[in-house]
């Protein structure tokens, strides 16, 4: 029996500036590439920006990139970075 390994995401730290920009540092595992990763994004207007989730600049698989983006937005909307 083959064990399925899923993507993981662990928020390491976050900070908010006086200009309402939130920076989030995280690590995780890309199950498609089979590699650990570290990254950072900034939230502006409720949306995350950063090379780690950029379709043309990221080293993550497209599935993992979508997972990371979705999880970060979900955590942001839940108020976990306030």
C-alpha atoms as a PDB file:
ATOM      1  CA  UNK A   1       0.000   0.000   0.000  1.00  0.00           C
ATOM      2  CA  UNK A   2       1.359   3.398  -1.001  1.00  0.00           C
ATOM      3  CA  UNK A   3       1.033   6.163   1.557  1.00  0.00           C
ATOM      4  CA  UNK A   4      -0.141   9.484   0.166  1.00  0.00           C
ATOM      5  CA  UNK A   5       1.841  12.465   1.396  1.00  0.00           C
ATOM      6  CA  UNK A   6       0.109  15.845   1.291  1.00  0.00           C
ATOM      7  CA  UNK A   7       1.473  19.359   1.039  1.00  0.00           C
ATOM      8  CA  UNK A   8       2.161  21.051   4.367  1.00  0.00           C
ATOM      9  CA  UNK A   9       2.369  24.674   5.481  1.00  0.00           C
ATOM     10  CA  UNK A  10       3.608  26.008   8.820  1.00  0.00           C
ATOM     11  CA  UNK A  11       3.529  29.721   9.603  1.00  0.00           C
ATOM     12  CA  UNK A  12       6.752  30.658  11.371  1.00  0.00           C
ATOM     13  CA  UNK A  13       6.257  34.374  11.975  1.00  0.00           C
ATOM     14  CA  UNK A  14       4.279  37.404  10.844  1.00  0.00           C
ATOM     15  CA  UNK A  15       4.375  41.140  11.335  1.00  0.00           C
ATOM     16  CA  UNK A  16       2.146  44.052  10.429  1.00  0.00           C
ATOM     17  CA  UNK A  17       3.430  47.478   9.423  1.00  0.00           C
ATOM     18  CA  UNK A  18       1.807  50.820  10.157  1.00  0.00           C
ATOM     19  CA  UNK A  19       0.735  50.908   6.494  1.00  0.00           C
ATOM     20  CA  UNK A  20      -1.497  47.806   6.951  1.00  0.00           C
ATOM     21  CA  UNK A  21       0.922  45.522   5.123  1.00  0.00           C
ATOM     22  CA  UNK A  22       1.343  42.090   6.694  1.00  0.00           C
ATOM     23  CA  UNK A  23       4.484  40.013   6.129  1.00  0.00           C
ATOM     24  CA  UNK A  24       4.229  36.259   6.715  1.00  0.00           C
ATOM     25  CA  UNK A  25       7.176  33.817   6.923  1.00  0.00           C
ATOM     26  CA  UNK A  26       6.442  30.127   6.520  1.00  0.00           C
ATOM     27  CA  UNK A  27       7.867  26.723   5.688  1.00  0.00           C
ATOM     28  CA  UNK A  28       6.331  23.612   4.236  1.00  0.00           C
ATOM     29  CA  UNK A  29       6.597  20.551   2.076  1.00  0.00           C
ATOM     30  CA  UNK A  30       5.782  20.274  -1.635  1.00  0.00           C
ATOM     31  CA  UNK A  31       4.423  16.727  -2.022  1.00  0.00           C
ATOM     32  CA  UNK A  32       4.689  16.813  -5.835  1.00  0.00           C
ATOM     33  CA  UNK A  33       8.350  17.874  -5.905  1.00  0.00           C
ATOM     34  CA  UNK A  34       9.171  15.972  -2.728  1.00  0.00           C
ATOM     35  CA  UNK A  35      11.006  18.972  -1.268  1.00  0.00           C
ATOM     36  CA  UNK A  36      10.837  21.203   1.785  1.00  0.00           C
ATOM     37  CA  UNK A  37      10.547  24.939   1.200  1.00  0.00           C
ATOM     38  CA  UNK A  38      10.714  28.273   3.023  1.00  0.00           C
ATOM     39  CA  UNK A  39       9.042  31.446   1.881  1.00  0.00           C
ATOM     40  CA  UNK A  40       7.678  34.854   2.679  1.00  0.00           C
ATOM     41  CA  UNK A  41       4.768  36.829   1.295  1.00  0.00           C
ATOM     42  CA  UNK A  42       3.321  40.226   1.957  1.00  0.00           C
ATOM     43  CA  UNK A  43      -0.399  40.864   2.140  1.00  0.00           C
ATOM     44  CA  UNK A  44      -1.633  44.049   0.529  1.00  0.00           C
ATOM     45  CA  UNK A  45      -5.362  44.650   0.341  1.00  0.00           C
ATOM     46  CA  UNK A  46      -6.030  41.140   1.626  1.00  0.00           C
ATOM     47  CA  UNK A  47      -4.040  39.380  -1.120  1.00  0.00           C
ATOM     48  CA  UNK A  48      -0.620  37.700  -0.808  1.00  0.00           C
ATOM     49  CA  UNK A  49       2.313  38.667  -3.049  1.00  0.00           C
ATOM     50  CA  UNK A  50       5.728  37.050  -3.317  1.00  0.00           C
ATOM     51  CA  UNK A  51       7.995  35.028  -5.582  1.00  0.00           C
ATOM     52  CA  UNK A  52       7.157  31.793  -3.754  1.00  0.00           C
ATOM     53  CA  UNK A  53       3.551  31.938  -5.024  1.00  0.00           C
ATOM     54  CA  UNK A  54       4.205  33.698  -8.342  1.00  0.00           C
ATOM     55  CA  UNK A  55       3.397  31.346 -11.267  1.00  0.00           C
ATOM     56  CA  UNK A  56       6.567  32.223 -13.190  1.00  0.00           C
ATOM     57  CA  UNK A  57       9.037  32.690 -10.303  1.00  0.00           C
ATOM     58  CA  UNK A  58       8.117  29.943  -7.863  1.00  0.00           C
ATOM     59  CA  UNK A  59      10.051  26.703  -7.478  1.00  0.00           C
ATOM     60  CA  UNK A  60       6.919  25.045  -6.071  1.00  0.00           C
ATOM     61  CA  UNK A  61       4.712  22.734  -8.089  1.00  0.00           C
ATOM     62  CA  UNK A  62       1.550  24.421  -9.343  1.00  0.00           C
ATOM     63  CA  UNK A  63      -0.540  22.284  -6.978  1.00  0.00           C
ATOM     64  CA  UNK A  64       1.538  23.259  -3.958  1.00  0.00           C
ATOM     65  CA  UNK A  65       1.631  26.909  -4.996  1.00  0.00           C
ATOM     66  CA  UNK A  66      -2.185  26.931  -5.140  1.00  0.00           C
ATOM     67  CA  UNK A  67      -2.364  25.146  -1.779  1.00  0.00           C
ATOM     68  CA  UNK A  68      -0.023  27.659  -0.112  1.00  0.00           C
ATOM     69  CA  UNK A  69      -1.876  30.650  -1.566  1.00  0.00           C
ATOM     70  CA  UNK A  70      -5.272  29.263  -0.541  1.00  0.00           C
ATOM     71  CA  UNK A  71      -4.129  28.390   2.987  1.00  0.00           C
ATOM     72  CA  UNK A  72      -2.505  31.787   3.543  1.00  0.00           C
ATOM     73  CA  UNK A  73      -5.591  33.656   2.342  1.00  0.00           C
ATOM     74  CA  UNK A  74      -7.774  31.472   4.567  1.00  0.00           C
ATOM     75  CA  UNK A  75      -5.595  32.167   7.611  1.00  0.00           C
ATOM     76  CA  UNK A  76      -5.499  35.885   6.796  1.00  0.00           C
ATOM     77  CA  UNK A  77      -9.293  36.058   6.471  1.00  0.00           C
ATOM     78  CA  UNK A  78      -9.676  34.154   9.743  1.00  0.00           C
ATOM     79  CA  UNK A  79      -7.692  36.898  11.511  1.00  0.00           C
ATOM     80  CA  UNK A  80      -4.698  34.701  12.346  1.00  0.00           C
ATOM     81  CA  UNK A  81      -2.233  37.465  11.383  1.00  0.00           C
ATOM     82  CA  UNK A  82      -3.793  40.287  13.420  1.00  0.00           C
END
